[in-house]
Amino acid sequence: MAKTSAINRNLKRTAMSVRDKPKRLALKSIIMDRTLPVEDRFEASMKLAELPRNGARVRVKLRCKLTGRSRANYRKFELCRIALRDLASSGQIPGMVKSSW
C-alpha cells in the first residue's frame, strides 16, 4: 500500500488539472496562434507561467486504484500488475484467464 499522503497529493493534482484545463487550453491557443501580435502571445505565455504547476495534466501520476502503487500500471484497467494478477487469478476480471502452455 502506498503512502496516504502520496495518494492524496495525486488526487489534489487531478482535481487541479481538471479545474485549470479550460484556462490552460485558452492560453495555449493564444500562444500557438501565429496571426496574433508577439506582445499578446508573450503576455499569454506569462499568464500561463503564473498558473500553478500542479494544474498541468502531465503532473498527475498514474496510480493503482486498489493499492496506490505508482509503478507497473496498466492504463486499461487502472491497476498495478500485482493487483491485476490477483484479480485475474480469482476470476474477477471478465475474459481474462491465466495463460498456460
PDB file of N, CA and C in Angstrom:
ATOM      1  N   MET A   1       0.842  -1.175   0.000  1.00  0.00           N
ATOM      2  CA  MET A   1       0.000   0.000   0.000  1.00  0.00           C
ATOM      3  C   MET A   1       0.889   1.240   0.000  1.00  0.00           C
ATOM      4  N   ALA A   2       0.564   2.177  -0.845  1.00  0.00           N
ATOM      5  CA  ALA A   2       1.346   3.411  -0.948  1.00  0.00           C
ATOM      6  C   ALA A   2       1.016   4.348   0.215  1.00  0.00           C
ATOM      7  N   LYS A   3       1.888   5.317   0.406  1.00  0.00           N
ATOM      8  CA  LYS A   3       1.643   6.296   1.460  1.00  0.00           C
ATOM      9  C   LYS A   3       0.372   7.076   1.154  1.00  0.00           C
ATOM     10  N   THR A   4      -0.393   7.304   2.170  1.00  0.00           N
ATOM     11  CA  THR A   4      -1.649   8.037   2.004  1.00  0.00           C
ATOM     12  C   THR A   4      -1.394   9.456   1.517  1.00  0.00           C
ATOM     13  N   SER A   5      -0.297  10.047   1.973  1.00  0.00           N
ATOM     14  CA  SER A   5      -0.001  11.422   1.558  1.00  0.00           C
ATOM     15  C   SER A   5       0.290  11.491   0.065  1.00  0.00           C
ATOM     16  N   ALA A   6       0.968  10.474  -0.487  1.00  0.00           N
ATOM     17  CA  ALA A   6       1.263  10.456  -1.918  1.00  0.00           C
ATOM     18  C   ALA A   6      -0.016  10.291  -2.733  1.00  0.00           C
ATOM     19  N   ILE A   7      -0.911   9.447  -2.252  1.00  0.00           N
ATOM     20  CA  ILE A   7      -2.193   9.237  -2.947  1.00  0.00           C
ATOM     21  C   ILE A   7      -3.017  10.516  -2.916  1.00  0.00           C
ATOM     22  N   ASN A   8      -3.081  11.157  -1.746  1.00  0.00           N
ATOM     23  CA  ASN A   8      -3.862  12.393  -1.617  1.00  0.00           C
ATOM     24  C   ASN A   8      -3.272  13.524  -2.444  1.00  0.00           C
ATOM     25  N   ARG A   9      -1.944  13.593  -2.517  1.00  0.00           N
ATOM     26  CA  ARG A   9      -1.284  14.614  -3.333  1.00  0.00           C
ATOM     27  C   ARG A   9      -1.644  14.431  -4.806  1.00  0.00           C
ATOM     28  N   ASN A  10      -1.687  13.179  -5.238  1.00  0.00           N
ATOM     29  CA  ASN A  10      -2.034  12.892  -6.625  1.00  0.00           C
ATOM     30  C   ASN A  10      -3.505  13.223  -6.908  1.00  0.00           C
ATOM     31  N   LEU A  11      -4.375  12.948  -5.947  1.00  0.00           N
ATOM     32  CA  LEU A  11      -5.789  13.299  -6.114  1.00  0.00           C
ATOM     33  C   LEU A  11      -5.970  14.816  -6.193  1.00  0.00           C
ATOM     34  N   LYS A  12      -5.178  15.542  -5.414  1.00  0.00           N
ATOM     35  CA  LYS A  12      -5.229  17.006  -5.454  1.00  0.00           C
ATOM     36  C   LYS A  12      -4.770  17.516  -6.817  1.00  0.00           C
ATOM     37  N   ARG A  13      -3.713  16.901  -7.362  1.00  0.00           N
ATOM     38  CA  ARG A  13      -3.236  17.286  -8.688  1.00  0.00           C
ATOM     39  C   ARG A  13      -4.281  16.996  -9.755  1.00  0.00           C
ATOM     40  N   THR A  14      -4.969  15.873  -9.631  1.00  0.00           N
ATOM     41  CA  THR A  14      -6.021  15.529 -10.591  1.00  0.00           C
ATOM     42  C   THR A  14      -7.133  16.576 -10.567  1.00  0.00           C
ATOM     43  N   ALA A  15      -7.551  16.957  -9.369  1.00  0.00           N
ATOM     44  CA  ALA A  15      -8.610  17.964  -9.240  1.00  0.00           C
ATOM     45  C   ALA A  15      -8.158  19.307  -9.804  1.00  0.00           C
ATOM     46  N   MET A  16      -6.920  19.682  -9.538  1.00  0.00           N
ATOM     47  CA  MET A  16      -6.408  20.952 -10.043  1.00  0.00           C
ATOM     48  C   MET A  16      -6.287  20.939 -11.561  1.00  0.00           C
ATOM     49  N   SER A  17      -5.906  19.806 -12.125  1.00  0.00           N
ATOM     50  CA  SER A  17      -5.762  19.745 -13.584  1.00  0.00           C
ATOM     51  C   SER A  17      -7.123  19.842 -14.262  1.00  0.00           C
ATOM     52  N   VAL A  18      -8.148  19.259 -13.660  1.00  0.00           N
ATOM     53  CA  VAL A  18      -9.499  19.380 -14.216  1.00  0.00           C
ATOM     54  C   VAL A  18      -9.984  20.822 -14.102  1.00  0.00           C
ATOM     55  N   ARG A  19      -9.689  21.451 -12.956  1.00  0.00           N
ATOM     56  CA  ARG A  19     -10.118  22.831 -12.726  1.00  0.00           C
ATOM     57  C   ARG A  19      -9.433  23.814 -13.681  1.00  0.00           C
ATOM     58  N   ASP A  20      -8.127  23.619 -13.926  1.00  0.00           N
ATOM     59  CA  ASP A  20      -7.354  24.570 -14.724  1.00  0.00           C
ATOM     60  C   ASP A  20      -7.337  24.267 -16.215  1.00  0.00           C
ATOM     61  N   LYS A  21      -7.931  23.166 -16.638  1.00  0.00           N
ATOM     62  CA  LYS A  21      -7.858  22.764 -18.042  1.00  0.00           C
ATOM     63  C   LYS A  21      -8.378  23.828 -19.008  1.00  0.00           C
ATOM     64  N   PRO A  22      -9.566  24.437 -18.770  1.00  0.00           N
ATOM     65  CA  PRO A  22     -10.039  25.461 -19.726  1.00  0.00           C
ATOM     66  C   PRO A  22      -9.112  26.673 -19.823  1.00  0.00           C
ATOM     67  N   LYS A  23      -8.579  27.114 -18.680  1.00  0.00           N
ATOM     68  CA  LYS A  23      -7.671  28.264 -18.687  1.00  0.00           C
ATOM     69  C   LYS A  23      -6.414  27.952 -19.494  1.00  0.00           C
ATOM     70  N   ARG A  24      -5.852  26.773 -19.240  1.00  0.00           N
ATOM     71  CA  ARG A  24      -4.625  26.385 -19.930  1.00  0.00           C
ATOM     72  C   ARG A  24      -4.845  26.240 -21.428  1.00  0.00           C
ATOM     73  N   LEU A  25      -5.965  25.640 -21.826  1.00  0.00           N
ATOM     74  CA  LEU A  25      -6.253  25.482 -23.253  1.00  0.00           C
ATOM     75  C   LEU A  25      -6.413  26.832 -23.940  1.00  0.00           C
ATOM     76  N   ALA A  26      -7.105  27.763 -23.274  1.00  0.00           N
ATOM     77  CA  ALA A  26      -7.306  29.088 -23.857  1.00  0.00           C
ATOM     78  C   ALA A  26      -5.972  29.813 -24.037  1.00  0.00           C
ATOM     79  N   LEU A  27      -5.129  29.771 -23.010  1.00  0.00           N
ATOM     80  CA  LEU A  27      -3.832  30.451 -23.099  1.00  0.00           C
ATOM     81  C   LEU A  27      -2.924  29.790 -24.135  1.00  0.00           C
ATOM     82  N   LYS A  28      -2.940  28.472 -24.204  1.00  0.00           N
ATOM     83  CA  LYS A  28      -2.097  27.778 -25.181  1.00  0.00           C
ATOM     84  C   LYS A  28      -2.551  28.052 -26.609  1.00  0.00           C
ATOM     85  N   SER A  29      -3.860  28.196 -26.803  1.00  0.00           N
ATOM     86  CA  SER A  29      -4.331  28.507 -28.153  1.00  0.00           C
ATOM     87  C   SER A  29      -3.888  29.909 -28.574  1.00  0.00           C
ATOM     88  N   ILE A  30      -3.852  30.841 -27.624  1.00  0.00           N
ATOM     89  CA  ILE A  30      -3.360  32.182 -27.922  1.00  0.00           C
ATOM     90  C   ILE A  30      -1.866  32.141 -28.248  1.00  0.00           C
ATOM     91  N   ILE A  31      -1.116  31.370 -27.467  1.00  0.00           N
ATOM     92  CA  ILE A  31       0.336  31.285 -27.665  1.00  0.00           C
ATOM     93  C   ILE A  31       0.662  30.674 -29.026  1.00  0.00           C
ATOM     94  N   MET A  32      -0.083  29.682 -29.447  1.00  0.00           N
ATOM     95  CA  MET A  32       0.211  28.974 -30.694  1.00  0.00           C
ATOM     96  C   MET A  32      -0.324  29.684 -31.943  1.00  0.00           C
ATOM     97  N   ASP A  33      -1.189  30.683 -31.760  1.00  0.00           N
ATOM     98  CA  ASP A  33      -1.768  31.395 -32.894  1.00  0.00           C
ATOM     99  C   ASP A  33      -0.745  32.386 -33.462  1.00  0.00           C
ATOM    100  N   ARG A  34      -0.209  32.082 -34.621  1.00  0.00           N
ATOM    101  CA  ARG A  34       0.838  32.908 -35.233  1.00  0.00           C
ATOM    102  C   ARG A  34       0.305  34.201 -35.831  1.00  0.00           C
ATOM    103  N   THR A  35      -1.019  34.330 -35.970  1.00  0.00           N
ATOM    104  CA  THR A  35      -1.577  35.548 -36.561  1.00  0.00           C
ATOM    105  C   THR A  35      -1.657  36.690 -35.547  1.00  0.00           C
ATOM    106  N   LEU A  36      -1.589  36.369 -34.260  1.00  0.00           N
ATOM    107  CA  LEU A  36      -1.668  37.404 -33.224  1.00  0.00           C
ATOM    108  C   LEU A  36      -0.322  38.110 -33.070  1.00  0.00           C
ATOM    109  N   PRO A  37      -0.335  39.329 -32.541  1.00  0.00           N
ATOM    110  CA  PRO A  37       0.930  40.047 -32.308  1.00  0.00           C
ATOM    111  C   PRO A  37       1.790  39.338 -31.261  1.00  0.00           C
ATOM    112  N   VAL A  38       3.074  39.553 -31.342  1.00  0.00           N
ATOM    113  CA  VAL A  38       4.027  38.899 -30.440  1.00  0.00           C
ATOM    114  C   VAL A  38       3.775  39.315 -28.989  1.00  0.00           C
ATOM    115  N   GLU A  39       3.382  40.561 -28.773  1.00  0.00           N
ATOM    116  CA  GLU A  39       3.153  41.054 -27.421  1.00  0.00           C
ATOM    117  C   GLU A  39       2.014  40.291 -26.739  1.00  0.00           C
ATOM    118  N   ASP A  40       0.928  40.048 -27.482  1.00  0.00           N
ATOM    119  CA  ASP A  40      -0.211  39.313 -26.916  1.00  0.00           C
ATOM    120  C   ASP A  40       0.172  37.875 -26.599  1.00  0.00           C
ATOM    121  N   ARG A  41       0.935  37.273 -27.485  1.00  0.00           N
ATOM    122  CA  ARG A  41       1.365  35.892 -27.265  1.00  0.00           C
ATOM    123  C   ARG A  41       2.319  35.796 -26.076  1.00  0.00           C
ATOM    124  N   PHE A  42       3.188  36.783 -25.931  1.00  0.00           N
ATOM    125  CA  PHE A  42       4.111  36.796 -24.800  1.00  0.00           C
ATOM    126  C   PHE A  42       3.351  36.985 -23.490  1.00  0.00           C
ATOM    127  N   GLU A  43       2.355  37.856 -23.509  1.00  0.00           N
ATOM    128  CA  GLU A  43       1.543  38.088 -22.314  1.00  0.00           C
ATOM    129  C   GLU A  43       0.795  36.815 -21.916  1.00  0.00           C
ATOM    130  N   ALA A  44       0.298  36.078 -22.899  1.00  0.00           N
ATOM    131  CA  ALA A  44      -0.390  34.818 -22.614  1.00  0.00           C
ATOM    132  C   ALA A  44       0.576  33.787 -22.039  1.00  0.00           C
ATOM    133  N   SER A  45       1.797  33.766 -22.538  1.00  0.00           N
ATOM    134  CA  SER A  45       2.778  32.817 -22.004  1.00  0.00           C
ATOM    135  C   SER A  45       3.157  33.171 -20.571  1.00  0.00           C
ATOM    136  N   MET A  46       3.192  34.451 -20.239  1.00  0.00           N
ATOM    137  CA  MET A  46       3.476  34.859 -18.865  1.00  0.00           C
ATOM    138  C   MET A  46       2.330  34.480 -17.936  1.00  0.00           C
ATOM    139  N   LYS A  47       1.089  34.615 -18.403  1.00  0.00           N
ATOM    140  CA  LYS A  47      -0.058  34.205 -17.601  1.00  0.00           C
ATOM    141  C   LYS A  47      -0.068  32.691 -17.394  1.00  0.00           C
ATOM    142  N   LEU A  48       0.327  31.960 -18.427  1.00  0.00           N
ATOM    143  CA  LEU A  48       0.397  30.509 -18.313  1.00  0.00           C
ATOM    144  C   LEU A  48       1.460  30.101 -17.294  1.00  0.00           C
ATOM    145  N   ALA A  49       2.570  30.816 -17.279  1.00  0.00           N
ATOM    146  CA  ALA A  49       3.636  30.514 -16.324  1.00  0.00           C
ATOM    147  C   ALA A  49       3.225  30.833 -14.890  1.00  0.00           C
ATOM    148  N   GLU A  50       2.292  31.769 -14.713  1.00  0.00           N
ATOM    149  CA  GLU A  50       1.847  32.133 -13.374  1.00  0.00           C
ATOM    150  C   GLU A  50       0.872  31.122 -12.781  1.00  0.00           C
ATOM    151  N   LEU A  51       0.249  30.304 -13.621  1.00  0.00           N
ATOM    152  CA  LEU A  51      -0.668  29.288 -13.116  1.00  0.00           C
ATOM    153  C   LEU A  51       0.107  28.245 -12.313  1.00  0.00           C
ATOM    154  N   PRO A  52      -0.549  27.606 -11.332  1.00  0.00           N
ATOM    155  CA  PRO A  52       0.164  26.605 -10.533  1.00  0.00           C
ATOM    156  C   PRO A  52       0.609  25.415 -11.377  1.00  0.00           C
ATOM    157  N   ARG A  53       1.796  24.925 -11.097  1.00  0.00           N
ATOM    158  CA  ARG A  53       2.344  23.808 -11.870  1.00  0.00           C
ATOM    159  C   ARG A  53       1.533  22.534 -11.694  1.00  0.00           C
ATOM    160  N   ASN A  54       0.988  22.338 -10.507  1.00  0.00           N
ATOM    161  CA  ASN A  54       0.216  21.122 -10.269  1.00  0.00           C
ATOM    162  C   ASN A  54      -1.103  21.111 -11.026  1.00  0.00           C
ATOM    163  N   GLY A  55      -1.438  22.192 -11.695  1.00  0.00           N
ATOM    164  CA  GLY A  55      -2.633  22.238 -12.510  1.00  0.00           C
ATOM    165  C   GLY A  55      -2.442  21.636 -13.892  1.00  0.00           C
ATOM    166  N   ALA A  56      -1.209  21.272 -14.226  1.00  0.00           N
ATOM    167  CA  ALA A  56      -0.919  20.681 -15.526  1.00  0.00           C
ATOM    168  C   ALA A  56      -1.250  19.191 -15.501  1.00  0.00           C
ATOM    169  N   ARG A  57      -1.786  18.679 -16.593  1.00  0.00           N
ATOM    170  CA  ARG A  57      -2.185  17.275 -16.676  1.00  0.00           C
ATOM    171  C   ARG A  57      -0.988  16.334 -16.589  1.00  0.00           C
ATOM    172  N   VAL A  58       0.171  16.751 -17.055  1.00  0.00           N
ATOM    173  CA  VAL A  58       1.342  15.877 -17.041  1.00  0.00           C
ATOM    174  C   VAL A  58       1.875  15.635 -15.631  1.00  0.00           C
ATOM    175  N   ARG A  59       1.457  16.434 -14.661  1.00  0.00           N
ATOM    176  CA  ARG A  59       1.917  16.251 -13.288  1.00  0.00           C
ATOM    177  C   ARG A  59       1.171  15.138 -12.565  1.00  0.00           C
ATOM    178  N   VAL A  60       0.059  14.679 -13.127  1.00  0.00           N
ATOM    179  CA  VAL A  60      -0.727  13.619 -12.495  1.00  0.00           C
ATOM    180  C   VAL A  60      -0.059  12.285 -12.772  1.00  0.00           C
ATOM    181  N   LYS A  61       0.171  11.507 -11.722  1.00  0.00           N
ATOM    182  CA  LYS A  61       0.834  10.213 -11.824  1.00  0.00           C
ATOM    183  C   LYS A  61      -0.229   9.123 -11.898  1.00  0.00           C
ATOM    184  N   LEU A  62      -0.036   8.162 -12.791  1.00  0.00           N
ATOM    185  CA  LEU A  62      -0.953   7.032 -12.883  1.00  0.00           C
ATOM    186  C   LEU A  62      -0.693   6.098 -11.706  1.00  0.00           C
ATOM    187  N   ARG A  63      -1.713   5.886 -10.878  1.00  0.00           N
ATOM    188  CA  ARG A  63      -1.594   5.037  -9.698  1.00  0.00           C
ATOM    189  C   ARG A  63      -2.666   3.962  -9.717  1.00  0.00           C
ATOM    190  N   CYS A  64      -2.370   2.859  -9.056  1.00  0.00           N
ATOM    191  CA  CYS A  64      -3.308   1.744  -8.950  1.00  0.00           C
ATOM    192  C   CYS A  64      -4.514   2.187  -8.119  1.00  0.00           C
ATOM    193  N   LYS A  65      -5.717   1.845  -8.572  1.00  0.00           N
ATOM    194  CA  LYS A  65      -6.922   2.236  -7.855  1.00  0.00           C
ATOM    195  C   LYS A  65      -7.102   1.464  -6.557  1.00  0.00           C
ATOM    196  N   LEU A  66      -6.536   0.271  -6.469  1.00  0.00           N
ATOM    197  CA  LEU A  66      -6.680  -0.541  -5.253  1.00  0.00           C
ATOM    198  C   LEU A  66      -5.591  -0.267  -4.232  1.00  0.00           C
ATOM    199  N   THR A  67      -4.352  -0.258  -4.678  1.00  0.00           N
ATOM    200  CA  THR A  67      -3.233  -0.173  -3.740  1.00  0.00           C
ATOM    201  C   THR A  67      -2.545   1.181  -3.718  1.00  0.00           C
ATOM    202  N   GLY A  68      -2.680   1.972  -4.773  1.00  0.00           N
ATOM    203  CA  GLY A  68      -1.994   3.258  -4.847  1.00  0.00           C
ATOM    204  C   GLY A  68      -0.578   3.135  -5.370  1.00  0.00           C
ATOM    205  N   ARG A  69      -0.187   1.945  -5.802  1.00  0.00           N
ATOM    206  CA  ARG A  69       1.160   1.717  -6.323  1.00  0.00           C
ATOM    207  C   ARG A  69       1.380   2.558  -7.581  1.00  0.00           C
ATOM    208  N   SER A  70       2.569   3.152  -7.686  1.00  0.00           N
ATOM    209  CA  SER A  70       2.821   4.080  -8.790  1.00  0.00           C
ATOM    210  C   SER A  70       3.562   3.441  -9.951  1.00  0.00           C
ATOM    211  N   ARG A  71       4.013   2.216  -9.800  1.00  0.00           N
ATOM    212  CA  ARG A  71       4.794   1.581 -10.853  1.00  0.00           C
ATOM    213  C   ARG A  71       4.061   0.389 -11.436  1.00  0.00           C
ATOM    214  N   ALA A  72       4.383   0.078 -12.687  1.00  0.00           N
ATOM    215  CA  ALA A  72       3.853  -1.099 -13.388  1.00  0.00           C
ATOM    216  C   ALA A  72       2.330  -1.093 -13.424  1.00  0.00           C
ATOM    217  N   ASN A  73       1.761   0.007 -13.910  1.00  0.00           N
ATOM    218  CA  ASN A  73       0.307   0.134 -14.015  1.00  0.00           C
ATOM    219  C   ASN A  73      -0.158  -0.111 -15.436  1.00  0.00           C
ATOM    220  N   TYR A  74      -1.329  -0.724 -15.552  1.00  0.00           N
ATOM    221  CA  TYR A  74      -1.968  -0.917 -16.838  1.00  0.00           C
ATOM    222  C   TYR A  74      -3.065   0.128 -16.964  1.00  0.00           C
ATOM    223  N   ARG A  75      -2.958   0.973 -17.996  1.00  0.00           N
ATOM    224  CA  ARG A  75      -3.920   2.061 -18.168  1.00  0.00           C
ATOM    225  C   ARG A  75      -5.344   1.557 -18.385  1.00  0.00           C
ATOM    226  N   LYS A  76      -5.469   0.477 -19.112  1.00  0.00           N
ATOM    227  CA  LYS A  76      -6.792  -0.042 -19.450  1.00  0.00           C
ATOM    228  C   LYS A  76      -7.577  -0.431 -18.198  1.00  0.00           C
ATOM    229  N   PHE A  77      -6.907  -0.998 -17.223  1.00  0.00           N
ATOM    230  CA  PHE A  77      -7.564  -1.471 -16.007  1.00  0.00           C
ATOM    231  C   PHE A  77      -7.380  -0.527 -14.830  1.00  0.00           C
ATOM    232  N   GLU A  78      -6.434   0.394 -14.934  1.00  0.00           N
ATOM    233  CA  GLU A  78      -6.060   1.301 -13.854  1.00  0.00           C
ATOM    234  C   GLU A  78      -5.650   0.524 -12.607  1.00  0.00           C
ATOM    235  N   LEU A  79      -4.919  -0.564 -12.837  1.00  0.00           N
ATOM    236  CA  LEU A  79      -4.437  -1.412 -11.755  1.00  0.00           C
ATOM    237  C   LEU A  79      -2.957  -1.697 -11.970  1.00  0.00           C
ATOM    238  N   CYS A  80      -2.253  -1.962 -10.860  1.00  0.00           N
ATOM    239  CA  CYS A  80      -0.864  -2.368 -10.980  1.00  0.00           C
ATOM    240  C   CYS A  80      -0.815  -3.848 -11.331  1.00  0.00           C
ATOM    241  N   ARG A  81       0.355  -4.315 -11.715  1.00  0.00           N
ATOM    242  CA  ARG A  81       0.491  -5.691 -12.179  1.00  0.00           C
ATOM    243  C   ARG A  81       0.150  -6.700 -11.093  1.00  0.00           C
ATOM    244  N   ILE A  82       0.434  -6.371  -9.836  1.00  0.00           N
ATOM    245  CA  ILE A  82       0.193  -7.288  -8.727  1.00  0.00           C
ATOM    246  C   ILE A  82      -1.308  -7.433  -8.476  1.00  0.00           C
ATOM    247  N   ALA A  83      -2.002  -6.305  -8.401  1.00  0.00           N
ATOM    248  CA  ALA A  83      -3.447  -6.342  -8.178  1.00  0.00           C
ATOM    249  C   ALA A  83      -4.161  -6.971  -9.370  1.00  0.00           C
ATOM    250  N   LEU A  84      -3.678  -6.683 -10.575  1.00  0.00           N
ATOM    251  CA  LEU A  84      -4.281  -7.263 -11.777  1.00  0.00           C
ATOM    252  C   LEU A  84      -4.148  -8.779 -11.768  1.00  0.00           C
ATOM    253  N   ARG A  85      -2.999  -9.268 -11.380  1.00  0.00           N
ATOM    254  CA  ARG A  85      -2.788 -10.716 -11.339  1.00  0.00           C
ATOM    255  C   ARG A  85      -3.676 -11.377 -10.286  1.00  0.00           C
ATOM    256  N   ASP A  86      -3.799 -10.745  -9.125  1.00  0.00           N
ATOM    257  CA  ASP A  86      -4.644 -11.308  -8.072  1.00  0.00           C
ATOM    258  C   ASP A  86      -6.106 -11.377  -8.513  1.00  0.00           C
ATOM    259  N   LEU A  87      -6.589 -10.292  -9.105  1.00  0.00           N
ATOM    260  CA  LEU A  87      -7.985 -10.267  -9.547  1.00  0.00           C
ATOM    261  C   LEU A  87      -8.224 -11.239 -10.701  1.00  0.00           C
ATOM    262  N   ALA A  88      -7.256 -11.336 -11.624  1.00  0.00           N
ATOM    263  CA  ALA A  88      -7.410 -12.251 -12.756  1.00  0.00           C
ATOM    264  C   ALA A  88      -7.374 -13.706 -12.297  1.00  0.00           C
ATOM    265  N   SER A  89      -6.521 -14.015 -11.334  1.00  0.00           N
ATOM    266  CA  SER A  89      -6.426 -15.386 -10.834  1.00  0.00           C
ATOM    267  C   SER A  89      -7.694 -15.810 -10.108  1.00  0.00           C
ATOM    268  N   SER A  90      -8.343 -14.857  -9.450  1.00  0.00           N
ATOM    269  CA  SER A  90      -9.580 -15.191  -8.747  1.00  0.00           C
ATOM    270  C   SER A  90     -10.801 -15.110  -9.665  1.00  0.00           C
ATOM    271  N   GLY A  91     -10.583 -14.735 -10.936  1.00  0.00           N
ATOM    272  CA  GLY A  91     -11.677 -14.717 -11.906  1.00  0.00           C
ATOM    273  C   GLY A  91     -12.583 -13.506 -11.830  1.00  0.00           C
ATOM    274  N   GLN A  92     -12.086 -12.403 -11.302  1.00  0.00           N
ATOM    275  CA  GLN A  92     -12.923 -11.217 -11.142  1.00  0.00           C
ATOM    276  C   GLN A  92     -12.822 -10.243 -12.303  1.00  0.00           C
ATOM    277  N   ILE A  93     -11.953 -10.530 -13.266  1.00  0.00           N
ATOM    278  CA  ILE A  93     -11.862  -9.701 -14.467  1.00  0.00           C
ATOM    279  C   ILE A  93     -12.412 -10.522 -15.631  1.00  0.00           C
ATOM    280  N   PRO A  94     -13.553 -10.117 -16.185  1.00  0.00           N
ATOM    281  CA  PRO A  94     -14.194 -10.911 -17.240  1.00  0.00           C
ATOM    282  C   PRO A  94     -13.322 -11.064 -18.472  1.00  0.00           C
ATOM    283  N   GLY A  95     -13.213 -12.300 -18.959  1.00  0.00           N
ATOM    284  CA  GLY A  95     -12.477 -12.569 -20.184  1.00  0.00           C
ATOM    285  C   GLY A  95     -10.986 -12.764 -19.998  1.00  0.00           C
ATOM    286  N   MET A  96     -10.460 -12.507 -18.831  1.00  0.00           N
ATOM    287  CA  MET A  96      -9.027 -12.662 -18.607  1.00  0.00           C
ATOM    288  C   MET A  96      -8.756 -13.994 -17.922  1.00  0.00           C
ATOM    289  N   VAL A  97      -7.908 -14.789 -18.543  1.00  0.00           N
ATOM    290  CA  VAL A  97      -7.527 -16.074 -17.971  1.00  0.00           C
ATOM    291  C   VAL A  97      -6.016 -16.157 -17.928  1.00  0.00           C
ATOM    292  N   LYS A  98      -5.522 -16.940 -16.997  1.00  0.00           N
ATOM    293  CA  LYS A  98      -4.081 -17.145 -16.886  1.00  0.00           C
ATOM    294  C   LYS A  98      -3.626 -18.058 -18.012  1.00  0.00           C
ATOM    295  N   SER A  99      -2.578 -17.657 -18.686  1.00  0.00           N
ATOM    296  CA  SER A  99      -2.109 -18.461 -19.793  1.00  0.00           C
ATOM    297  C   SER A  99      -1.274 -19.622 -19.282  1.00  0.00           C
ATOM    298  N   SER A 100      -1.357 -20.739 -19.975  1.00  0.00           N
ATOM    299  CA  SER A 100      -0.520 -21.895 -19.644  1.00  0.00           C
ATOM    300  C   SER A 100      -0.240 -22.645 -20.929  1.00  0.00           C
ATOM    301  N   TRP A 101       0.961 -23.167 -21.062  1.00  0.00           N
ATOM    302  CA  TRP A 101       1.321 -23.923 -22.250  1.00  0.00           C
ATOM    303  C   TRP A 101       2.304 -24.996 -21.903  1.00  0.00           C
TER     304      TRP A 101
END
